[in-house]
Amino acid sequence: MTRNLFRFTATCSAVVAALAAPFGCAGGGGPAPVDTTTYCGKAAVMYCANVMACCTGAERAAQVGEENVNDEAWCQHDKAMACEINLAETYYAIDKGTVKYVEAKATKCIDAMKRPTGECAVVADVAPWADACKESPFEGQVAADGECRWSMECVKGSSCVYGKCKAPPAEGENCSLSCAEGLYCKAGKCAKDLASGATCTSTSECGMNLYCDKTCMALKSQGTACTANAQCDSNDCGYGTCTSDGSSCSSNFDCDGVCKKSGDTCYSDYTCGSYCASSGTDCNTDADCNVATSEKCLDDTCEASCGGRVCAAKALDTYNYCKMSN
């Protein structure tokens, strides 16, 4: 179930991509302090604070390089430089005025990625910074038909095609694959998405939260029988059942729990320093647990079981501030 956490937003992806490349080596004299008024400076400070506090040994060496393993200042310097190199085109566009940097959005997102005091892993349903990082801090400023080099320069919804910002085709306009939001490409022309109950041949023809099964139908929720991923609101049909968290199982051992006290993910008490819980509810008998999700009382805590080939209790993810993955 390991997934990249930064899939949630464009902003999160920008932070990871910008800081990913190694740069330079620690050297004599010490680095100049990073400029914390810039995007790269802010991101580097956050990133290195998390790594220095939460990574140990080989993990830290892999993240910041062998020579920077105990030097936060050099970590910040190198990561800020790597970020600036990777965002060189974006900075060039900002200087031209074709992209606008919205500092408030960047600060909100980056601050949300900082580890909570004393914590290196947080157990939650979604990434703690998901809401704060929904919007990219880099906004295109070039309107439709304006000149461009990259799609990032174009206003939201448009893309750079042969040097011109082009908005997606509107209703009735010619299309090859995609159209503006709320439309689909029908016989070379953009048409309104089909409503629930309308006859269809493909899910791409149906509106938001619908799928096609001869007619457009509402997406199925957790625990509902399914035959394809596209039928489920989670986009995952696990062994014939829509799952709640994108995971399926073939035995109870596939259903992750959470170590009490440490917060690490676990499969049994033997992998924890304390005990393994799925919902976190203490119990004496099965009656104390969530019967609707088939939880069982094991070792005085309610644990998930594999019901209908899907992890019955919704799995919680452990967001690790060293690895930034669950």
C-alpha atoms as a PDB file:
ATOM      1  CA  MET A   1       0.000   0.000   0.000  1.00  0.00           C
ATOM      2  CA  THR A   2       2.972   2.329  -0.286  1.00  0.00           C
ATOM      3  CA  ARG A   3       1.883   5.369  -2.257  1.00  0.00           C
ATOM      4  CA  ASN A   4       3.543   8.684  -3.032  1.00  0.00           C
ATOM      5  CA  LEU A   5       1.944  11.226  -0.767  1.00  0.00           C
ATOM      6  CA  PHE A   6       2.629  14.080  -3.060  1.00  0.00           C
ATOM      7  CA  ARG A   7       0.139  12.873  -5.629  1.00  0.00           C
ATOM      8  CA  PHE A   8      -2.486  14.970  -3.852  1.00  0.00           C
ATOM      9  CA  THR A   9      -1.673  18.365  -5.403  1.00  0.00           C
ATOM     10  CA  ALA A  10       0.337  20.203  -7.987  1.00  0.00           C
ATOM     11  CA  THR A  11       1.971  22.190  -5.196  1.00  0.00           C
ATOM     12  CA  CYS A  12       3.073  19.059  -3.351  1.00  0.00           C
ATOM     13  CA  SER A  13       4.463  17.626  -6.565  1.00  0.00           C
ATOM     14  CA  ALA A  14       6.388  20.830  -7.146  1.00  0.00           C
ATOM     15  CA  VAL A  15       8.000  20.630  -3.711  1.00  0.00           C
ATOM     16  CA  VAL A  16       9.147  17.034  -4.225  1.00  0.00           C
ATOM     17  CA  ALA A  17      10.323  17.469  -7.806  1.00  0.00           C
ATOM     18  CA  ALA A  18      12.157  20.677  -7.015  1.00  0.00           C
ATOM     19  CA  LEU A  19      13.986  19.231  -4.017  1.00  0.00           C
ATOM     20  CA  ALA A  20      14.613  15.760  -5.396  1.00  0.00           C
ATOM     21  CA  ALA A  21      17.867  16.321  -7.275  1.00  0.00           C
ATOM     22  CA  PRO A  22      21.145  16.129  -5.303  1.00  0.00           C
ATOM     23  CA  PHE A  23      23.331  19.190  -5.580  1.00  0.00           C
ATOM     24  CA  GLY A  24      26.856  20.023  -4.547  1.00  0.00           C
ATOM     25  CA  CYS A  25      28.882  18.902  -1.561  1.00  0.00           C
ATOM     26  CA  ALA A  26      29.473  20.265   1.889  1.00  0.00           C
ATOM     27  CA  GLY A  27      32.663  22.262   1.894  1.00  0.00           C
ATOM     28  CA  GLY A  28      34.902  24.644   3.810  1.00  0.00           C
ATOM     29  CA  GLY A  29      33.643  27.891   5.256  1.00  0.00           C
ATOM     30  CA  GLY A  30      30.025  26.872   5.610  1.00  0.00           C
ATOM     31  CA  PRO A  31      27.109  27.804   3.354  1.00  0.00           C
ATOM     32  CA  ALA A  32      25.416  31.175   3.120  1.00  0.00           C
ATOM     33  CA  PRO A  33      21.978  31.165   4.788  1.00  0.00           C
ATOM     34  CA  VAL A  34      19.130  30.440   2.384  1.00  0.00           C
ATOM     35  CA  ASP A  35      16.700  33.214   1.505  1.00  0.00           C
ATOM     36  CA  THR A  36      13.555  32.222   3.364  1.00  0.00           C
ATOM     37  CA  THR A  37      11.478  34.799   1.483  1.00  0.00           C
ATOM     38  CA  THR A  38      11.636  32.653  -1.677  1.00  0.00           C
ATOM     39  CA  TYR A  39       9.692  29.510  -2.547  1.00  0.00           C
ATOM     40  CA  CYS A  40      12.837  27.378  -2.742  1.00  0.00           C
ATOM     41  CA  GLY A  41      14.215  28.777   0.510  1.00  0.00           C
ATOM     42  CA  LYS A  42      10.980  28.093   2.393  1.00  0.00           C
ATOM     43  CA  ALA A  43      10.678  24.589   0.937  1.00  0.00           C
ATOM     44  CA  ALA A  44      14.317  23.726   1.724  1.00  0.00           C
ATOM     45  CA  VAL A  45      14.018  24.836   5.354  1.00  0.00           C
ATOM     46  CA  MET A  46      10.865  22.755   5.847  1.00  0.00           C
ATOM     47  CA  TYR A  47      12.312  19.722   4.072  1.00  0.00           C
ATOM     48  CA  CYS A  48      15.605  19.719   5.972  1.00  0.00           C
ATOM     49  CA  ALA A  49      13.944  20.293   9.343  1.00  0.00           C
ATOM     50  CA  ASN A  50      11.812  17.185   8.786  1.00  0.00           C
ATOM     51  CA  VAL A  51      14.749  15.100   7.565  1.00  0.00           C
ATOM     52  CA  MET A  52      17.116  16.116  10.369  1.00  0.00           C
ATOM     53  CA  ALA A  53      14.515  15.488  13.054  1.00  0.00           C
ATOM     54  CA  CYS A  54      13.045  12.251  11.744  1.00  0.00           C
ATOM     55  CA  CYS A  55      15.614  10.416   9.611  1.00  0.00           C
ATOM     56  CA  THR A  56      18.444   8.361  11.041  1.00  0.00           C
ATOM     57  CA  GLY A  57      21.563   6.712   9.633  1.00  0.00           C
ATOM     58  CA  ALA A  58      21.238   5.498   6.069  1.00  0.00           C
ATOM     59  CA  GLU A  59      17.863   7.216   5.644  1.00  0.00           C
ATOM     60  CA  ARG A  60      19.356  10.652   6.275  1.00  0.00           C
ATOM     61  CA  ALA A  61      22.393   9.926   4.094  1.00  0.00           C
ATOM     62  CA  ALA A  62      20.100   8.891   1.252  1.00  0.00           C
ATOM     63  CA  GLN A  63      18.022  12.047   1.628  1.00  0.00           C
ATOM     64  CA  VAL A  64      20.732  14.700   1.952  1.00  0.00           C
ATOM     65  CA  GLY A  65      24.017  12.996   0.999  1.00  0.00           C
ATOM     66  CA  GLU A  66      26.774  11.473   3.089  1.00  0.00           C
ATOM     67  CA  GLU A  67      28.606  14.760   3.725  1.00  0.00           C
ATOM     68  CA  ASN A  68      25.460  16.632   4.797  1.00  0.00           C
ATOM     69  CA  VAL A  69      24.132  13.930   7.076  1.00  0.00           C
ATOM     70  CA  ASN A  70      24.525  16.007  10.265  1.00  0.00           C
ATOM     71  CA  ASP A  71      24.624  19.525   8.800  1.00  0.00           C
ATOM     72  CA  GLU A  72      21.220  21.170   8.450  1.00  0.00           C
ATOM     73  CA  ALA A  73      22.665  24.396   7.028  1.00  0.00           C
ATOM     74  CA  TRP A  74      24.321  22.545   4.139  1.00  0.00           C
ATOM     75  CA  CYS A  75      21.158  20.513   3.622  1.00  0.00           C
ATOM     76  CA  GLN A  76      19.186  23.754   3.246  1.00  0.00           C
ATOM     77  CA  HIS A  77      21.791  25.254   0.915  1.00  0.00           C
ATOM     78  CA  ASP A  78      21.972  22.229  -1.390  1.00  0.00           C
ATOM     79  CA  LYS A  79      18.224  21.621  -1.507  1.00  0.00           C
ATOM     80  CA  ALA A  80      17.476  25.285  -2.177  1.00  0.00           C
ATOM     81  CA  MET A  81      20.011  25.274  -5.033  1.00  0.00           C
ATOM     82  CA  ALA A  82      18.561  22.061  -6.458  1.00  0.00           C
ATOM     83  CA  CYS A  83      15.095  23.596  -6.252  1.00  0.00           C
ATOM     84  CA  GLU A  84      16.198  26.748  -8.066  1.00  0.00           C
ATOM     85  CA  ILE A  85      17.813  24.720 -10.850  1.00  0.00           C
ATOM     86  CA  ASN A  86      14.747  22.528 -11.297  1.00  0.00           C
ATOM     87  CA  LEU A  87      12.424  25.547 -11.303  1.00  0.00           C
ATOM     88  CA  ALA A  88      14.637  27.649 -13.583  1.00  0.00           C
ATOM     89  CA  GLU A  89      12.008  27.766 -16.350  1.00  0.00           C
ATOM     90  CA  THR A  90       9.320  28.728 -13.836  1.00  0.00           C
ATOM     91  CA  TYR A  91      11.478  31.527 -12.417  1.00  0.00           C
ATOM     92  CA  TYR A  92      12.211  32.735 -15.951  1.00  0.00           C
ATOM     93  CA  ALA A  93       8.475  32.870 -16.652  1.00  0.00           C
ATOM     94  CA  ILE A  94       7.888  34.762 -13.397  1.00  0.00           C
ATOM     95  CA  ASP A  95      10.520  37.318 -14.399  1.00  0.00           C
ATOM     96  CA  LYS A  96       8.765  37.707 -17.795  1.00  0.00           C
ATOM     97  CA  GLY A  97       5.431  38.214 -16.058  1.00  0.00           C
ATOM     98  CA  THR A  98       3.810  35.210 -17.747  1.00  0.00           C
ATOM     99  CA  VAL A  99       3.601  33.324 -14.439  1.00  0.00           C
ATOM    100  CA  LYS A 100       2.623  34.814 -11.094  1.00  0.00           C
ATOM    101  CA  TYR A 101       4.036  33.511  -7.819  1.00  0.00           C
ATOM    102  CA  VAL A 102       1.414  33.626  -5.058  1.00  0.00           C
ATOM    103  CA  GLU A 103       3.487  33.544  -1.883  1.00  0.00           C
ATOM    104  CA  ALA A 104       0.508  33.095   0.438  1.00  0.00           C
ATOM    105  CA  LYS A 105      -0.443  29.813  -1.263  1.00  0.00           C
ATOM    106  CA  ALA A 106       3.138  28.531  -1.114  1.00  0.00           C
ATOM    107  CA  THR A 107       3.546  29.450   2.549  1.00  0.00           C
ATOM    108  CA  LYS A 108       0.238  27.841   3.504  1.00  0.00           C
ATOM    109  CA  CYS A 109       1.217  24.571   1.806  1.00  0.00           C
ATOM    110  CA  ILE A 110       4.829  24.428   2.984  1.00  0.00           C
ATOM    111  CA  ASP A 111       3.907  25.279   6.576  1.00  0.00           C
ATOM    112  CA  ALA A 112       1.340  22.460   6.528  1.00  0.00           C
ATOM    113  CA  MET A 113       4.094  19.976   5.580  1.00  0.00           C
ATOM    114  CA  LYS A 114       6.190  20.736   8.668  1.00  0.00           C
ATOM    115  CA  ARG A 115       6.134  17.923  11.180  1.00  0.00           C
ATOM    116  CA  PRO A 116       4.139  18.500  14.369  1.00  0.00           C
ATOM    117  CA  THR A 117       6.347  19.125  17.394  1.00  0.00           C
ATOM    118  CA  GLY A 118       7.673  15.829  18.726  1.00  0.00           C
ATOM    119  CA  GLU A 119       6.120  13.778  15.917  1.00  0.00           C
ATOM    120  CA  CYS A 120       7.760  11.988  12.991  1.00  0.00           C
ATOM    121  CA  ALA A 121       4.733  10.024  11.807  1.00  0.00           C
ATOM    122  CA  VAL A 122       1.086  11.014  11.804  1.00  0.00           C
ATOM    123  CA  VAL A 123      -1.750   8.527  11.419  1.00  0.00           C
ATOM    124  CA  ALA A 124      -4.650   9.974   9.436  1.00  0.00           C
ATOM    125  CA  ASP A 125      -7.162   9.252   6.678  1.00  0.00           C
ATOM    126  CA  VAL A 126      -5.550  11.806   4.354  1.00  0.00           C
ATOM    127  CA  ALA A 127      -2.269  13.706   4.310  1.00  0.00           C
ATOM    128  CA  PRO A 128      -2.334  16.460   6.961  1.00  0.00           C
ATOM    129  CA  TRP A 129      -1.373  19.033   4.316  1.00  0.00           C
ATOM    130  CA  ALA A 130      -3.835  17.896   1.620  1.00  0.00           C
ATOM    131  CA  ASP A 131      -6.266  20.798   1.944  1.00  0.00           C
ATOM    132  CA  ALA A 132      -3.530  23.409   2.329  1.00  0.00           C
ATOM    133  CA  CYS A 133      -1.783  22.240  -0.836  1.00  0.00           C
ATOM    134  CA  LYS A 134      -4.693  21.940  -3.247  1.00  0.00           C
ATOM    135  CA  GLU A 135      -3.693  24.982  -5.281  1.00  0.00           C
ATOM    136  CA  SER A 136      -0.368  25.624  -6.976  1.00  0.00           C
ATOM    137  CA  PRO A 137       1.394  28.868  -6.041  1.00  0.00           C
ATOM    138  CA  PHE A 138       2.401  29.328  -9.701  1.00  0.00           C
ATOM    139  CA  GLU A 139      -0.431  30.818 -11.780  1.00  0.00           C
ATOM    140  CA  GLY A 140      -0.312  31.256 -15.536  1.00  0.00           C
ATOM    141  CA  GLN A 141      -1.099  34.763 -16.747  1.00  0.00           C
ATOM    142  CA  VAL A 142      -1.341  34.379 -20.542  1.00  0.00           C
ATOM    143  CA  ALA A 143      -4.889  34.367 -21.899  1.00  0.00           C
ATOM    144  CA  ALA A 144      -6.169  32.325 -24.835  1.00  0.00           C
ATOM    145  CA  ASP A 145      -4.381  33.135 -28.134  1.00  0.00           C
ATOM    146  CA  GLY A 146      -1.484  34.750 -26.272  1.00  0.00           C
ATOM    147  CA  GLU A 147       2.088  33.686 -27.018  1.00  0.00           C
ATOM    148  CA  CYS A 148       3.666  31.034 -24.780  1.00  0.00           C
ATOM    149  CA  ARG A 149       6.591  28.658 -24.438  1.00  0.00           C
ATOM    150  CA  TRP A 150       5.149  26.408 -21.728  1.00  0.00           C
ATOM    151  CA  SER A 151       1.627  25.466 -20.669  1.00  0.00           C
ATOM    152  CA  MET A 152       2.355  26.742 -17.159  1.00  0.00           C
ATOM    153  CA  GLU A 153       2.249  30.280 -18.634  1.00  0.00           C
ATOM    154  CA  CYS A 154      -1.361  29.854 -19.767  1.00  0.00           C
ATOM    155  CA  VAL A 155      -4.351  30.684 -17.583  1.00  0.00           C
ATOM    156  CA  LYS A 156      -5.965  27.783 -15.750  1.00  0.00           C
ATOM    157  CA  GLY A 157      -7.633  25.318 -18.100  1.00  0.00           C
ATOM    158  CA  SER A 158      -5.561  26.343 -21.127  1.00  0.00           C
ATOM    159  CA  SER A 159      -2.432  24.778 -22.591  1.00  0.00           C
ATOM    160  CA  CYS A 160       0.373  25.915 -24.887  1.00  0.00           C
ATOM    161  CA  VAL A 161      -0.140  24.584 -28.417  1.00  0.00           C
ATOM    162  CA  TYR A 162       2.287  25.611 -31.180  1.00  0.00           C
ATOM    163  CA  GLY A 163       3.319  28.724 -29.268  1.00  0.00           C
ATOM    164  CA  LYS A 164      -0.212  29.914 -28.435  1.00  0.00           C
ATOM    165  CA  CYS A 165      -2.286  29.436 -25.284  1.00  0.00           C
ATOM    166  CA  LYS A 166      -5.318  27.453 -26.288  1.00  0.00           C
ATOM    167  CA  ALA A 167      -8.427  26.904 -24.192  1.00  0.00           C
ATOM    168  CA  PRO A 168     -10.039  23.455 -24.392  1.00  0.00           C
ATOM    169  CA  PRO A 169     -12.834  23.271 -26.998  1.00  0.00           C
ATOM    170  CA  ALA A 170     -16.243  24.561 -25.896  1.00  0.00           C
ATOM    171  CA  GLU A 171     -19.631  23.027 -26.637  1.00  0.00           C
ATOM    172  CA  GLY A 172     -20.113  22.562 -30.372  1.00  0.00           C
ATOM    173  CA  GLU A 173     -16.462  23.148 -31.232  1.00  0.00           C
ATOM    174  CA  ASN A 174     -14.251  20.600 -32.973  1.00  0.00           C
ATOM    175  CA  CYS A 175     -12.368  18.129 -30.742  1.00  0.00           C
ATOM    176  CA  SER A 176     -10.130  15.098 -30.996  1.00  0.00           C
ATOM    177  CA  LEU A 177      -9.999  13.815 -27.418  1.00  0.00           C
ATOM    178  CA  SER A 178     -10.724  16.351 -24.681  1.00  0.00           C
ATOM    179  CA  CYS A 179     -13.120  19.246 -24.170  1.00  0.00           C
ATOM    180  CA  ALA A 180     -13.792  21.904 -21.552  1.00  0.00           C
ATOM    181  CA  GLU A 181     -15.057  20.802 -18.126  1.00  0.00           C
ATOM    182  CA  GLY A 182     -18.568  19.334 -18.259  1.00  0.00           C
ATOM    183  CA  LEU A 183     -18.194  18.300 -21.902  1.00  0.00           C
ATOM    184  CA  TYR A 184     -17.041  15.232 -23.821  1.00  0.00           C
ATOM    185  CA  CYS A 185     -15.903  14.657 -27.399  1.00  0.00           C
ATOM    186  CA  LYS A 186     -18.758  13.190 -29.469  1.00  0.00           C
ATOM    187  CA  ALA A 187     -18.137  12.472 -33.156  1.00  0.00           C
ATOM    188  CA  GLY A 188     -15.555  15.243 -33.356  1.00  0.00           C
ATOM    189  CA  LYS A 189     -17.665  17.869 -31.568  1.00  0.00           C
ATOM    190  CA  CYS A 190     -17.825  18.808 -27.871  1.00  0.00           C
ATOM    191  CA  ALA A 191     -21.157  17.936 -26.260  1.00  0.00           C
ATOM    192  CA  LYS A 192     -22.551  18.192 -22.734  1.00  0.00           C
ATOM    193  CA  ASP A 193     -21.779  15.277 -20.397  1.00  0.00           C
ATOM    194  CA  LEU A 194     -24.622  12.796 -20.185  1.00  0.00           C
ATOM    195  CA  ALA A 195     -26.853  12.843 -17.111  1.00  0.00           C
ATOM    196  CA  SER A 196     -27.752   9.892 -14.884  1.00  0.00           C
ATOM    197  CA  GLY A 197     -29.965   7.438 -16.745  1.00  0.00           C
ATOM    198  CA  ALA A 198     -28.858   8.511 -20.226  1.00  0.00           C
ATOM    199  CA  THR A 199     -27.784   5.819 -22.688  1.00  0.00           C
ATOM    200  CA  CYS A 200     -23.983   5.636 -23.037  1.00  0.00           C
ATOM    201  CA  THR A 201     -21.155   3.580 -24.504  1.00  0.00           C
ATOM    202  CA  SER A 202     -18.255   4.857 -22.355  1.00  0.00           C
ATOM    203  CA  THR A 203     -17.772   6.298 -18.855  1.00  0.00           C
ATOM    204  CA  SER A 204     -16.032   9.306 -20.451  1.00  0.00           C
ATOM    205  CA  GLU A 205     -19.437  10.348 -21.810  1.00  0.00           C
ATOM    206  CA  CYS A 206     -21.043  10.505 -18.358  1.00  0.00           C
ATOM    207  CA  GLY A 207     -21.002  13.449 -15.976  1.00  0.00           C
ATOM    208  CA  MET A 208     -19.209  13.828 -12.661  1.00  0.00           C
ATOM    209  CA  ASN A 209     -19.610  10.926 -10.187  1.00  0.00           C
ATOM    210  CA  LEU A 210     -21.201   8.675 -12.835  1.00  0.00           C
ATOM    211  CA  TYR A 211     -20.038   5.593 -14.738  1.00  0.00           C
ATOM    212  CA  CYS A 212     -21.369   3.869 -17.837  1.00  0.00           C
ATOM    213  CA  ASP A 213     -23.124   0.507 -17.777  1.00  0.00           C
ATOM    214  CA  LYS A 214     -25.286   0.936 -20.900  1.00  0.00           C
ATOM    215  CA  THR A 215     -26.701   3.957 -19.053  1.00  0.00           C
ATOM    216  CA  CYS A 216     -24.931   6.536 -16.871  1.00  0.00           C
ATOM    217  CA  MET A 217     -25.166   5.412 -13.248  1.00  0.00           C
ATOM    218  CA  ALA A 218     -24.019   6.767  -9.869  1.00  0.00           C
ATOM    219  CA  LEU A 219     -20.617   5.548  -8.669  1.00  0.00           C
ATOM    220  CA  LYS A 220     -20.733   2.739  -6.117  1.00  0.00           C
ATOM    221  CA  SER A 221     -19.656   3.188  -2.509  1.00  0.00           C
ATOM    222  CA  GLN A 222     -17.577   1.049  -0.148  1.00  0.00           C
ATOM    223  CA  GLY A 223     -18.672  -2.561   0.181  1.00  0.00           C
ATOM    224  CA  THR A 224     -20.836  -2.575  -2.973  1.00  0.00           C
ATOM    225  CA  ALA A 225     -20.410  -5.362  -5.524  1.00  0.00           C
ATOM    226  CA  CYS A 226     -18.538  -4.279  -8.659  1.00  0.00           C
ATOM    227  CA  THR A 227     -16.888  -5.624 -11.809  1.00  0.00           C
ATOM    228  CA  ALA A 228     -14.586  -2.717 -12.777  1.00  0.00           C
ATOM    229  CA  ASN A 229     -12.612   0.058 -11.078  1.00  0.00           C
ATOM    230  CA  ALA A 230     -14.526   2.752 -12.966  1.00  0.00           C
ATOM    231  CA  GLN A 231     -17.719   1.742 -11.146  1.00  0.00           C
ATOM    232  CA  CYS A 232     -16.358   2.674  -7.709  1.00  0.00           C
ATOM    233  CA  ASP A 233     -16.062   6.096  -6.104  1.00  0.00           C
ATOM    234  CA  SER A 234     -12.656   4.914  -4.838  1.00  0.00           C
ATOM    235  CA  ASN A 235     -11.730   3.826  -8.405  1.00  0.00           C
ATOM    236  CA  ASP A 236     -10.788   0.411  -7.006  1.00  0.00           C
ATOM    237  CA  CYS A 237     -12.830  -2.767  -7.374  1.00  0.00           C
ATOM    238  CA  GLY A 238     -11.010  -5.117  -5.015  1.00  0.00           C
ATOM    239  CA  TYR A 239     -11.897  -8.781  -5.644  1.00  0.00           C
ATOM    240  CA  GLY A 240     -15.428  -7.820  -6.684  1.00  0.00           C
ATOM    241  CA  THR A 241     -16.061  -5.257  -3.923  1.00  0.00           C
ATOM    242  CA  CYS A 242     -15.581  -1.472  -3.942  1.00  0.00           C
ATOM    243  CA  THR A 243     -13.015  -0.683  -1.257  1.00  0.00           C
ATOM    244  CA  SER A 244     -12.980   2.308   1.065  1.00  0.00           C
ATOM    245  CA  ASP A 245      -9.301   3.143   0.751  1.00  0.00           C
ATOM    246  CA  GLY A 246      -8.129   1.653  -2.539  1.00  0.00           C
ATOM    247  CA  SER A 247      -6.899  -1.596  -0.969  1.00  0.00           C
ATOM    248  CA  SER A 248      -8.079  -5.180  -1.348  1.00  0.00           C
ATOM    249  CA  CYS A 249      -7.148  -8.284   0.571  1.00  0.00           C
ATOM    250  CA  SER A 250      -7.038 -12.044   0.466  1.00  0.00           C
ATOM    251  CA  SER A 251      -6.468 -12.575   4.203  1.00  0.00           C
ATOM    252  CA  ASN A 252      -6.602 -10.659   7.498  1.00  0.00           C
ATOM    253  CA  PHE A 253      -2.836 -10.147   7.293  1.00  0.00           C
ATOM    254  CA  ASP A 254      -3.381  -7.821   4.303  1.00  0.00           C
ATOM    255  CA  CYS A 255      -5.384  -5.385   6.446  1.00  0.00           C
ATOM    256  CA  ASP A 256      -3.042  -2.839   7.984  1.00  0.00           C
ATOM    257  CA  GLY A 257      -3.500  -1.678  11.536  1.00  0.00           C
ATOM    258  CA  VAL A 258      -1.719   0.977  13.576  1.00  0.00           C
ATOM    259  CA  CYS A 259       0.730   0.376  16.410  1.00  0.00           C
ATOM    260  CA  LYS A 260      -0.612   1.905  19.590  1.00  0.00           C
ATOM    261  CA  LYS A 261       1.831   4.466  21.057  1.00  0.00           C
ATOM    262  CA  SER A 262       4.348   4.473  18.177  1.00  0.00           C
ATOM    263  CA  GLY A 263       1.876   5.129  15.345  1.00  0.00           C
ATOM    264  CA  ASP A 264       3.705   2.839  12.886  1.00  0.00           C
ATOM    265  CA  THR A 265       1.689   0.646  10.540  1.00  0.00           C
ATOM    266  CA  CYS A 266       1.524  -2.996  11.534  1.00  0.00           C
ATOM    267  CA  TYR A 267       0.119  -6.399  10.712  1.00  0.00           C
ATOM    268  CA  SER A 268       0.219  -8.010  14.153  1.00  0.00           C
ATOM    269  CA  ASP A 269       1.185  -7.333  17.775  1.00  0.00           C
ATOM    270  CA  TYR A 270       4.591  -8.870  17.087  1.00  0.00           C
ATOM    271  CA  THR A 271       5.590  -5.928  14.876  1.00  0.00           C
ATOM    272  CA  CYS A 272       4.727  -3.348  17.536  1.00  0.00           C
ATOM    273  CA  GLY A 273       6.283  -2.251  20.780  1.00  0.00           C
ATOM    274  CA  SER A 274       2.786  -2.168  22.216  1.00  0.00           C
ATOM    275  CA  TYR A 275      -0.144  -3.632  20.292  1.00  0.00           C
ATOM    276  CA  CYS A 276      -1.701  -3.412  16.840  1.00  0.00           C
ATOM    277  CA  ALA A 277      -5.058  -1.694  16.425  1.00  0.00           C
ATOM    278  CA  SER A 278      -7.133  -0.948  13.350  1.00  0.00           C
ATOM    279  CA  SER A 279      -9.782   1.433  14.652  1.00  0.00           C
ATOM    280  CA  GLY A 280      -7.994   2.269  17.884  1.00  0.00           C
ATOM    281  CA  THR A 281     -10.957   1.183  20.004  1.00  0.00           C
ATOM    282  CA  ASP A 282     -10.263  -0.744  23.204  1.00  0.00           C
ATOM    283  CA  CYS A 283     -12.553  -3.709  23.781  1.00  0.00           C
ATOM    284  CA  ASN A 284     -13.408  -6.700  25.923  1.00  0.00           C
ATOM    285  CA  THR A 285     -15.614  -8.589  23.454  1.00  0.00           C
ATOM    286  CA  ASP A 286     -16.528  -8.409  19.749  1.00  0.00           C
ATOM    287  CA  ALA A 287     -19.688  -6.537  20.760  1.00  0.00           C
ATOM    288  CA  ASP A 288     -17.515  -3.537  21.652  1.00  0.00           C
ATOM    289  CA  CYS A 289     -16.290  -3.308  18.054  1.00  0.00           C
ATOM    290  CA  ASN A 290     -17.846  -2.057  14.828  1.00  0.00           C
ATOM    291  CA  VAL A 291     -19.978  -5.004  13.776  1.00  0.00           C
ATOM    292  CA  ALA A 292     -20.918  -3.299  10.491  1.00  0.00           C
ATOM    293  CA  THR A 293     -17.286  -3.476   9.328  1.00  0.00           C
ATOM    294  CA  SER A 294     -16.646  -6.963  10.758  1.00  0.00           C
ATOM    295  CA  GLU A 295     -14.067  -5.838  13.331  1.00  0.00           C
ATOM    296  CA  LYS A 296     -13.046  -8.407  15.940  1.00  0.00           C
ATOM    297  CA  CYS A 297     -11.832  -7.936  19.502  1.00  0.00           C
ATOM    298  CA  LEU A 298      -8.286  -9.282  19.505  1.00  0.00           C
ATOM    299  CA  ASP A 299      -5.774  -8.615  22.280  1.00  0.00           C
ATOM    300  CA  ASP A 300      -8.169  -6.109  23.878  1.00  0.00           C
ATOM    301  CA  THR A 301      -8.441  -3.917  20.790  1.00  0.00           C
ATOM    302  CA  CYS A 302     -10.732  -3.844  17.747  1.00  0.00           C
ATOM    303  CA  GLU A 303      -8.876  -5.049  14.657  1.00  0.00           C
ATOM    304  CA  ALA A 304      -9.817  -5.183  10.992  1.00  0.00           C
ATOM    305  CA  SER A 305     -10.752  -8.403   9.284  1.00  0.00           C
ATOM    306  CA  CYS A 306     -10.912  -9.316   5.619  1.00  0.00           C
ATOM    307  CA  GLY A 307     -14.631  -9.256   4.879  1.00  0.00           C
ATOM    308  CA  GLY A 308     -15.829  -9.847   1.322  1.00  0.00           C
ATOM    309  CA  ARG A 309     -12.248  -9.617   0.040  1.00  0.00           C
ATOM    310  CA  VAL A 310     -11.927  -5.995   1.206  1.00  0.00           C
ATOM    311  CA  CYS A 311     -10.295  -4.634   4.348  1.00  0.00           C
ATOM    312  CA  ALA A 312     -13.398  -4.203   6.456  1.00  0.00           C
ATOM    313  CA  ALA A 313     -12.229  -1.346   8.667  1.00  0.00           C
ATOM    314  CA  LYS A 314     -11.015   1.695   6.752  1.00  0.00           C
ATOM    315  CA  ALA A 315      -7.227   1.565   6.729  1.00  0.00           C
ATOM    316  CA  LEU A 316      -5.384   4.518   8.215  1.00  0.00           C
ATOM    317  CA  ASP A 317      -2.197   5.738   6.572  1.00  0.00           C
ATOM    318  CA  THR A 318       0.960   6.588   8.474  1.00  0.00           C
ATOM    319  CA  TYR A 319       2.495   9.735   7.010  1.00  0.00           C
ATOM    320  CA  ASN A 320       6.212   9.532   7.702  1.00  0.00           C
ATOM    321  CA  TYR A 321       7.920  12.934   7.801  1.00  0.00           C
ATOM    322  CA  CYS A 322      11.272  11.376   6.904  1.00  0.00           C
ATOM    323  CA  LYS A 323      10.188   9.372   3.890  1.00  0.00           C
ATOM    324  CA  MET A 324       7.067  11.451   3.220  1.00  0.00           C
ATOM    325  CA  SER A 325       5.255   8.270   2.212  1.00  0.00           C
ATOM    326  CA  ASN A 326       2.909   5.859   3.915  1.00  0.00           C
END
